[in-house]
C-alpha atoms as a PDB file:
ATOM      1  CA  UNK A   1      56.757 -19.168  65.559  1.00  0.00           C
ATOM      2  CA  UNK A   2      55.383 -17.857  68.847  1.00  0.00           C
ATOM      3  CA  UNK A   3      53.647 -21.203  69.585  1.00  0.00           C
ATOM      4  CA  UNK A   4      56.943 -22.997  69.056  1.00  0.00           C
ATOM      5  CA  UNK A   5      58.728 -20.649  71.496  1.00  0.00           C
ATOM      6  CA  UNK A   6      55.981 -21.115  74.073  1.00  0.00           C
ATOM      7  CA  UNK A   7      56.255 -24.890  73.647  1.00  0.00           C
ATOM      8  CA  UNK A   8      60.026 -24.807  74.154  1.00  0.00           C
ATOM      9  CA  UNK A   9      59.617 -22.637  77.267  1.00  0.00           C
ATOM     10  CA  UNK A  10      56.962 -24.989  78.639  1.00  0.00           C
ATOM     11  CA  UNK A  11      59.152 -28.046  78.005  1.00  0.00           C
ATOM     12  CA  UNK A  12      62.161 -26.304  79.573  1.00  0.00           C
ATOM     13  CA  UNK A  13      60.056 -25.439  82.617  1.00  0.00           C
ATOM     14  CA  UNK A  14      58.856 -29.027  82.934  1.00  0.00           C
ATOM     15  CA  UNK A  15      62.463 -30.226  82.612  1.00  0.00           C
ATOM     16  CA  UNK A  16      63.650 -27.859  85.360  1.00  0.00           C
ATOM     17  CA  UNK A  17      60.823 -28.927  87.670  1.00  0.00           C
ATOM     18  CA  UNK A  18      61.590 -32.602  87.018  1.00  0.00           C
ATOM     19  CA  UNK A  19      65.308 -32.088  87.707  1.00  0.00           C
ATOM     20  CA  UNK A  20      64.583 -30.227  90.952  1.00  0.00           C
ATOM     21  CA  UNK A  21      62.164 -32.955  92.051  1.00  0.00           C
ATOM     22  CA  UNK A  22      64.700 -35.714  91.277  1.00  0.00           C
ATOM     23  CA  UNK A  23      67.478 -33.786  93.046  1.00  0.00           C
ATOM     24  CA  UNK A  24      65.415 -33.262  96.188  1.00  0.00           C
ATOM     25  CA  UNK A  25      64.318 -36.915  96.177  1.00  0.00           C
ATOM     26  CA  UNK A  26      67.913 -38.181  95.873  1.00  0.00           C
ATOM     27  CA  UNK A  27      69.053 -35.800  98.621  1.00  0.00           C
ATOM     28  CA  UNK A  28      66.345 -37.017 100.997  1.00  0.00           C
ATOM     29  CA  UNK A  29      67.141 -40.648 100.138  1.00  0.00           C
ATOM     30  CA  UNK A  30      70.817 -40.060 100.915  1.00  0.00           C
ATOM     31  CA  UNK A  31      69.952 -38.435 104.253  1.00  0.00           C
ATOM     32  CA  UNK A  32      67.672 -41.358 105.165  1.00  0.00           C
ATOM     33  CA  UNK A  33      70.416 -43.873 104.350  1.00  0.00           C
ATOM     34  CA  UNK A  34      72.867 -41.880 106.453  1.00  0.00           C
ATOM     35  CA  UNK A  35      70.461 -41.910 109.401  1.00  0.00           C
ATOM     36  CA  UNK A  36      69.974 -45.681 109.082  1.00  0.00           C
ATOM     37  CA  UNK A  37      73.754 -46.187 109.039  1.00  0.00           C
ATOM     38  CA  UNK A  38      74.190 -44.091 112.196  1.00  0.00           C
ATOM     39  CA  UNK A  39      71.327 -45.972 113.874  1.00  0.00           C
ATOM     40  CA  UNK A  40      72.899 -49.335 113.014  1.00  0.00           C
ATOM     41  CA  UNK A  41      76.279 -48.194 114.335  1.00  0.00           C
ATOM     42  CA  UNK A  42      74.594 -47.209 117.602  1.00  0.00           C
ATOM     43  CA  UNK A  43      72.905 -50.586 117.892  1.00  0.00           C
ATOM     44  CA  UNK A  44      76.205 -52.389 117.258  1.00  0.00           C
ATOM     45  CA  UNK A  45      78.010 -50.260 119.849  1.00  0.00           C
ATOM     46  CA  UNK A  46      75.251 -50.970 122.377  1.00  0.00           C
ATOM     47  CA  UNK A  47      75.477 -54.726 121.800  1.00  0.00           C
ATOM     48  CA  UNK A  48      79.257 -54.652 122.196  1.00  0.00           C
ATOM     49  CA  UNK A  49      79.054 -52.640 125.392  1.00  0.00           C
ATOM     50  CA  UNK A  50      76.405 -54.936 126.883  1.00  0.00           C
ATOM     51  CA  UNK A  51      78.421 -58.076 126.114  1.00  0.00           C
ATOM     52  CA  UNK A  52      81.578 -56.488 127.489  1.00  0.00           C
ATOM     53  CA  UNK A  53      79.805 -55.625 130.750  1.00  0.00           C
ATOM     54  CA  UNK A  54      78.416 -59.166 131.049  1.00  0.00           C
ATOM     55  CA  UNK A  55      81.853 -60.683 130.535  1.00  0.00           C
ATOM     56  CA  UNK A  56      83.487 -58.312 133.034  1.00  0.00           C
ATOM     57  CA  UNK A  57      80.847 -58.977 135.698  1.00  0.00           C
ATOM     58  CA  UNK A  58      80.881 -62.739 135.152  1.00  0.00           C
ATOM     59  CA  UNK A  59      84.685 -62.763 135.476  1.00  0.00           C
ATOM     60  CA  UNK A  60      84.366 -61.526 139.083  1.00  0.00           C
ATOM     61  CA  UNK A  61      82.900 -64.954 140.016  1.00  0.00           C
ATOM     62  CA  UNK A  62      79.653 -63.310 141.096  1.00  0.00           C
ATOM     63  CA  UNK A  63      76.332 -64.448 139.653  1.00  0.00           C
ATOM     64  CA  UNK A  64      75.166 -62.006 136.993  1.00  0.00           C
ATOM     65  CA  UNK A  65      71.390 -61.964 136.456  1.00  0.00           C
ATOM     66  CA  UNK A  66      70.421 -61.730 132.786  1.00  0.00           C
ATOM     67  CA  UNK A  67      66.776 -61.129 131.899  1.00  0.00           C
ATOM     68  CA  UNK A  68      65.196 -61.546 128.483  1.00  0.00           C
ATOM     69  CA  UNK A  69      61.468 -61.002 128.179  1.00  0.00           C
ATOM     70  CA  UNK A  70      60.056 -62.891 131.217  1.00  0.00           C
ATOM     71  CA  UNK A  71      62.987 -65.272 131.741  1.00  0.00           C
ATOM     72  CA  UNK A  72      65.930 -64.590 134.066  1.00  0.00           C
ATOM     73  CA  UNK A  73      69.087 -66.662 134.371  1.00  0.00           C
ATOM     74  CA  UNK A  74      72.210 -66.188 136.472  1.00  0.00           C
ATOM     75  CA  UNK A  75      75.499 -66.323 134.610  1.00  0.00           C
ATOM     76  CA  UNK A  76      78.839 -67.255 136.164  1.00  0.00           C
ATOM     77  CA  UNK A  77      82.129 -67.804 134.320  1.00  0.00           C
ATOM     78  CA  UNK A  78      83.086 -71.479 133.990  1.00  0.00           C
ATOM     79  CA  UNK A  79      86.582 -70.603 135.208  1.00  0.00           C
ATOM     80  CA  UNK A  80      85.067 -69.755 138.599  1.00  0.00           C
ATOM     81  CA  UNK A  81      83.807 -73.327 138.980  1.00  0.00           C
ATOM     82  CA  UNK A  82      87.192 -74.694 137.941  1.00  0.00           C
ATOM     83  CA  UNK A  83      88.944 -72.481 140.519  1.00  0.00           C
ATOM     84  CA  UNK A  84      86.491 -73.550 143.219  1.00  0.00           C
ATOM     85  CA  UNK A  85      86.988 -77.234 142.382  1.00  0.00           C
ATOM     86  CA  UNK A  86      90.763 -76.794 142.429  1.00  0.00           C
ATOM     87  CA  UNK A  87      90.697 -74.955 145.765  1.00  0.00           C
ATOM     88  CA  UNK A  88      88.282 -77.476 147.306  1.00  0.00           C
ATOM     89  CA  UNK A  89      90.430 -80.436 146.290  1.00  0.00           C
ATOM     90  CA  UNK A  90      93.587 -79.134 147.976  1.00  0.00           C
END
């Protein structure tokens, strides 16, 4: 009878340890997913802000230098060329 009680206690202990391990693992997984979501939101907000700044600067009819890796181009809004052509033709 004592061996059976010891076996039940050992199994219960193993069960508790397994449940704690699974709980901690799920908690850490949830935290990691939350951090990834926040990181992705930050990236999206950064992209939106960068595009908004490019559009605002290009709308002033000034050349806006844009650099990617080793290549730089100057952006100007097409409307600026249309305004210049309209003003030059009058």
